[in-house]
Amino acid sequence: MGQKDIVAKEMIKEIGRDIALYMLGIDVDSEVELVDKEWTRVEKRESDIVFKYDNKIVHIEIQNNNHTKMELRMLRYFSDIIDVKEISCEELLYHENPSAVAISILCDFEGKDKQMVINTILKRIRELTKDDDIEYRNYLEKVTILSTNRDLEENVKRGANMLAVDIEKIPFYQDGLKEGIDRGIEKVAIGMLKFNVDIEIIHKVSGLTIEQIENLKKEIAKS
């Protein structure tokens, strides 16, 4: 088994323990053993995450897209399955453990803007991991893996990029606020361009159109 496979398996174990604790109420306080995930009925099927703990089997199924026959699959697991989309992300978003915050990306955003929720998830993890960049990257990897189940990979990428740029510390930010909304936002955008911040991030942060930002970029090049 290659190093990449070993790392992936360990990450799956961590995610399984986190889901078991914060969504199923099962406190897995020791090493878990991944077991054979193939289940045979009439046809052969493979489960997503299965592990043994304290003489119990924890079985977690992840559905990535809109399964047209999901009701039939649901009937099989009806007595055991928990639909995490019925859990409010607020219940985990402000938890003091970053593992709980990471899996909140699977829960119900309750109509809130998804980019805003993801930005908050990443900001909370950054706050909880303090200055430990390695730990933060570990949780960021978990969030990225979980985001694929809701097609939120690009949102996580944008959120991580935004978090990497502390806008309030960028020169011209405070000055820009003092000059009024329109000119202030423009000056902030110019300051971010000078720091080579991605145009998509500037668009999200400032509200300026891509065309407006491109025009500002041309003005900087001329000066």
Protein backbone atom coordinates (compact mmCIF):
# COMPACT_ATOMS: atom_id res chain seq x y z
CA MET A 1 0.00 0.00 0.00
CA GLY A 2 1.40 3.41 -1.02
CA GLN A 3 1.83 6.35 1.35
CA LYS A 4 -1.06 8.19 -0.34
CA ASP A 5 -3.40 5.24 0.25
CA ILE A 6 -2.35 5.04 3.92
CA VAL A 7 -3.03 8.76 4.42
CA ALA A 8 -6.43 8.47 2.69
CA LYS A 9 -7.43 5.52 4.90
CA GLU A 10 -6.42 7.38 8.06
CA MET A 11 -8.43 10.42 6.92
CA ILE A 12 -11.50 8.18 6.34
CA LYS A 13 -11.10 6.82 9.87
CA GLU A 14 -10.97 10.35 11.31
CA ILE A 15 -14.07 11.43 9.38
CA GLY A 16 -15.88 8.27 10.49
CA ARG A 17 -15.05 8.94 14.15
CA ASP A 18 -16.16 12.59 13.84
CA ILE A 19 -19.51 11.68 12.26
CA ALA A 20 -20.05 8.92 14.83
CA LEU A 21 -19.43 11.33 17.73
CA TYR A 22 -21.13 14.53 16.61
CA MET A 23 -24.04 13.09 14.63
CA LEU A 24 -24.64 9.62 16.10
CA GLY A 25 -23.58 10.29 19.70
CA ILE A 26 -21.08 7.41 19.68
CA ASP A 27 -17.85 8.40 21.45
CA VAL A 28 -15.10 6.44 19.70
CA ASP A 29 -12.17 6.89 22.07
CA SER A 30 -9.87 4.19 20.69
CA GLU A 31 -8.45 3.01 17.38
CA VAL A 32 -11.06 1.80 14.90
CA GLU A 33 -10.71 -1.08 12.46
CA LEU A 34 -12.13 -0.67 8.96
CA VAL A 35 -13.95 -3.85 8.00
CA ASP A 36 -14.90 -5.50 4.72
CA LYS A 37 -17.52 -3.14 3.26
CA GLU A 38 -19.09 -5.49 0.73
CA TRP A 39 -22.70 -6.45 1.49
CA THR A 40 -24.51 -9.06 -0.55
CA ARG A 41 -28.28 -9.26 -1.01
CA VAL A 42 -29.55 -10.23 -4.45
CA GLU A 43 -26.89 -8.01 -5.94
CA LYS A 44 -23.44 -7.13 -4.62
CA ARG A 45 -23.09 -3.66 -3.04
CA GLU A 46 -20.28 -1.80 -1.31
CA SER A 47 -20.91 0.50 1.65
CA ASP A 48 -19.14 3.85 2.04
CA ILE A 49 -17.76 3.81 5.59
CA VAL A 50 -18.01 0.88 8.00
CA PHE A 51 -16.00 0.36 11.17
CA LYS A 52 -16.12 -1.71 14.36
CA TYR A 53 -16.15 -0.13 17.79
CA ASP A 54 -16.89 -1.69 21.18
CA ASN A 55 -18.59 -4.74 19.60
CA LYS A 56 -20.74 -2.46 17.45
CA ILE A 57 -20.75 -1.83 13.70
CA VAL A 58 -21.06 1.80 12.60
CA HIS A 59 -22.29 2.03 9.00
CA ILE A 60 -22.31 5.42 7.22
CA GLU A 61 -23.70 5.92 3.70
CA ILE A 62 -22.89 9.02 1.63
CA GLN A 63 -25.03 9.99 -1.39
CA ASN A 64 -23.30 12.42 -3.77
CA ASN A 65 -26.12 13.24 -6.17
CA ASN A 66 -29.86 12.99 -6.71
CA HIS A 67 -30.44 9.23 -6.82
CA THR A 68 -33.63 8.56 -8.81
CA LYS A 69 -34.22 5.31 -6.90
CA MET A 70 -33.07 6.66 -3.54
CA GLU A 71 -36.37 5.69 -1.91
CA LEU A 72 -35.54 2.01 -2.50
CA ARG A 73 -32.08 2.44 -1.04
CA MET A 74 -33.56 4.36 1.89
CA LEU A 75 -35.95 1.50 2.66
CA ARG A 76 -32.97 -0.77 3.22
CA TYR A 77 -31.42 1.50 5.81
CA PHE A 78 -34.64 3.10 7.12
CA SER A 79 -34.25 1.97 10.72
CA ASP A 80 -30.59 3.00 10.96
CA ILE A 81 -29.93 5.92 8.63
CA ILE A 82 -29.71 9.57 9.67
CA ASP A 83 -30.20 12.26 7.01
CA VAL A 84 -27.56 14.81 8.01
CA LYS A 85 -29.32 17.44 5.89
CA GLU A 86 -31.99 17.50 8.60
CA ILE A 87 -29.41 18.61 11.18
CA SER A 88 -28.95 22.37 11.45
CA CYS A 89 -25.37 23.37 10.67
CA GLU A 90 -25.67 25.87 13.54
CA GLU A 91 -25.58 22.94 15.98
CA LEU A 92 -22.01 22.12 14.92
CA LEU A 93 -20.76 25.37 13.39
CA TYR A 94 -20.10 27.02 16.75
CA HIS A 95 -18.84 23.91 18.52
CA GLU A 96 -15.49 24.31 20.30
CA ASN A 97 -14.03 21.25 18.55
CA PRO A 98 -12.81 21.88 14.97
CA SER A 99 -13.78 18.31 13.99
CA ALA A 100 -17.43 19.13 14.68
CA VAL A 101 -17.13 22.38 12.77
CA ALA A 102 -15.63 20.54 9.77
CA ILE A 103 -18.55 18.12 9.39
CA SER A 104 -21.09 20.94 9.67
CA ILE A 105 -20.58 21.35 5.90
CA LEU A 106 -22.82 18.26 5.50
CA CYS A 107 -25.72 19.77 7.46
CA ASP A 108 -28.66 22.03 6.65
CA PHE A 109 -27.55 25.58 5.75
CA GLU A 110 -31.16 26.71 6.40
CA GLY A 111 -31.34 28.98 3.37
CA LYS A 112 -28.13 30.87 4.17
CA ASP A 113 -25.73 31.76 1.38
CA LYS A 114 -23.52 28.70 0.93
CA GLN A 115 -20.33 30.71 0.37
CA MET A 116 -20.99 32.66 3.56
CA VAL A 117 -21.53 29.45 5.55
CA ILE A 118 -18.37 27.84 4.17
CA ASN A 119 -16.35 30.98 4.87
CA THR A 120 -17.63 30.85 8.45
CA ILE A 121 -16.72 27.15 8.76
CA LEU A 122 -13.16 27.82 7.61
CA LYS A 123 -12.83 30.92 9.78
CA ARG A 124 -14.02 28.98 12.85
CA ILE A 125 -11.51 26.20 12.15
CA ARG A 126 -8.75 28.77 11.71
CA GLU A 127 -9.68 30.34 15.06
CA LEU A 128 -9.82 26.98 16.85
CA THR A 129 -6.51 25.75 15.44
CA LYS A 130 -4.92 29.13 16.27
CA ASP A 131 -1.43 29.35 14.75
CA ASP A 132 -1.04 25.63 14.01
CA ASP A 133 -0.89 25.64 10.20
CA ILE A 134 -0.44 21.87 9.96
CA GLU A 135 -3.57 21.21 12.03
CA TYR A 136 -5.51 23.79 10.03
CA ARG A 137 -4.50 22.17 6.73
CA ASN A 138 -5.56 18.79 8.10
CA TYR A 139 -9.06 20.08 8.84
CA LEU A 140 -9.16 21.95 5.53
CA GLU A 141 -8.49 18.61 3.79
CA LYS A 142 -11.40 17.05 5.72
CA VAL A 143 -13.74 19.88 4.71
CA THR A 144 -12.58 19.54 1.09
CA ILE A 145 -13.27 15.78 1.09
CA LEU A 146 -16.72 16.26 2.63
CA SER A 147 -17.54 19.14 0.25
CA THR A 148 -17.53 16.74 -2.72
CA ASN A 149 -20.76 15.23 -1.39
CA ARG A 150 -22.55 18.55 -1.96
CA ASP A 151 -20.63 19.86 -5.00
CA LEU A 152 -19.11 22.60 -2.88
CA GLU A 153 -15.45 22.07 -3.78
CA GLU A 154 -15.14 25.43 -5.57
CA ASN A 155 -16.79 27.22 -2.65
CA VAL A 156 -14.28 25.68 -0.25
CA LYS A 157 -11.42 26.67 -2.55
CA ARG A 158 -12.67 30.28 -2.72
CA GLY A 159 -13.23 30.36 1.03
CA ALA A 160 -9.72 29.08 1.72
CA ASN A 161 -8.26 31.70 -0.62
CA MET A 162 -10.25 34.47 1.05
CA LEU A 163 -9.12 33.33 4.47
CA ALA A 164 -5.50 33.26 3.33
CA VAL A 165 -5.84 36.97 2.53
CA ASP A 166 -6.62 38.93 5.69
CA ILE A 167 -8.34 41.81 3.96
CA GLU A 168 -8.35 44.02 7.04
CA LYS A 169 -4.55 43.94 7.10
CA ILE A 170 -4.16 44.92 3.46
CA PRO A 171 -2.79 48.48 3.07
CA PHE A 172 -5.41 50.95 1.82
CA TYR A 173 -8.28 48.98 3.43
CA GLN A 174 -8.93 51.35 6.34
CA ASP A 175 -8.15 54.38 4.15
CA GLY A 176 -10.62 53.08 1.60
CA LEU A 177 -13.38 52.82 4.20
CA LYS A 178 -12.85 56.44 5.15
CA GLU A 179 -13.26 57.70 1.59
CA GLY A 180 -16.84 56.55 1.15
CA ILE A 181 -18.47 53.41 -0.13
CA ASP A 182 -17.92 53.62 -3.90
CA ARG A 183 -14.42 55.06 -3.98
CA GLY A 184 -13.51 53.12 -0.85
CA ILE A 185 -14.41 49.75 -2.39
CA GLU A 186 -12.51 50.68 -5.53
CA LYS A 187 -9.42 51.58 -3.52
CA VAL A 188 -9.61 48.31 -1.59
CA ALA A 189 -9.81 46.43 -4.91
CA ILE A 190 -6.75 48.31 -6.22
CA GLY A 191 -4.85 47.45 -3.05
CA MET A 192 -5.74 43.78 -3.42
CA LEU A 193 -4.67 43.78 -7.09
CA LYS A 194 -1.30 45.18 -6.05
CA PHE A 195 -0.96 42.21 -3.71
CA ASN A 196 -1.76 39.84 -6.62
CA VAL A 197 -5.01 38.63 -5.04
CA ASP A 198 -7.07 36.47 -7.43
CA ILE A 199 -9.67 38.49 -9.38
CA GLU A 200 -12.46 36.07 -8.40
CA ILE A 201 -11.70 36.69 -4.73
CA ILE A 202 -11.71 40.47 -5.25
CA HIS A 203 -15.05 40.13 -7.04
CA LYS A 204 -16.53 38.19 -4.11
CA VAL A 205 -15.13 40.54 -1.46
CA SER A 206 -15.76 43.90 -3.16
CA GLY A 207 -18.91 43.24 -5.18
CA LEU A 208 -17.29 44.86 -8.22
CA THR A 209 -17.83 43.16 -11.57
CA ILE A 210 -15.01 41.22 -13.24
CA GLU A 211 -14.97 43.88 -15.99
CA GLN A 212 -14.59 46.70 -13.44
CA ILE A 213 -11.71 44.88 -11.76
CA GLU A 214 -10.03 44.21 -15.10
CA ASN A 215 -10.28 47.94 -15.90
CA LEU A 216 -8.68 48.79 -12.54
CA LYS A 217 -5.92 46.31 -13.33
CA LYS A 218 -5.27 48.11 -16.64
CA GLU A 219 -5.12 51.46 -14.85
CA ILE A 220 -2.50 50.08 -12.45
CA ALA A 221 -0.44 48.78 -15.39
CA LYS A 222 -0.47 52.24 -17.00
CA SER A 223 0.62 54.04 -13.83
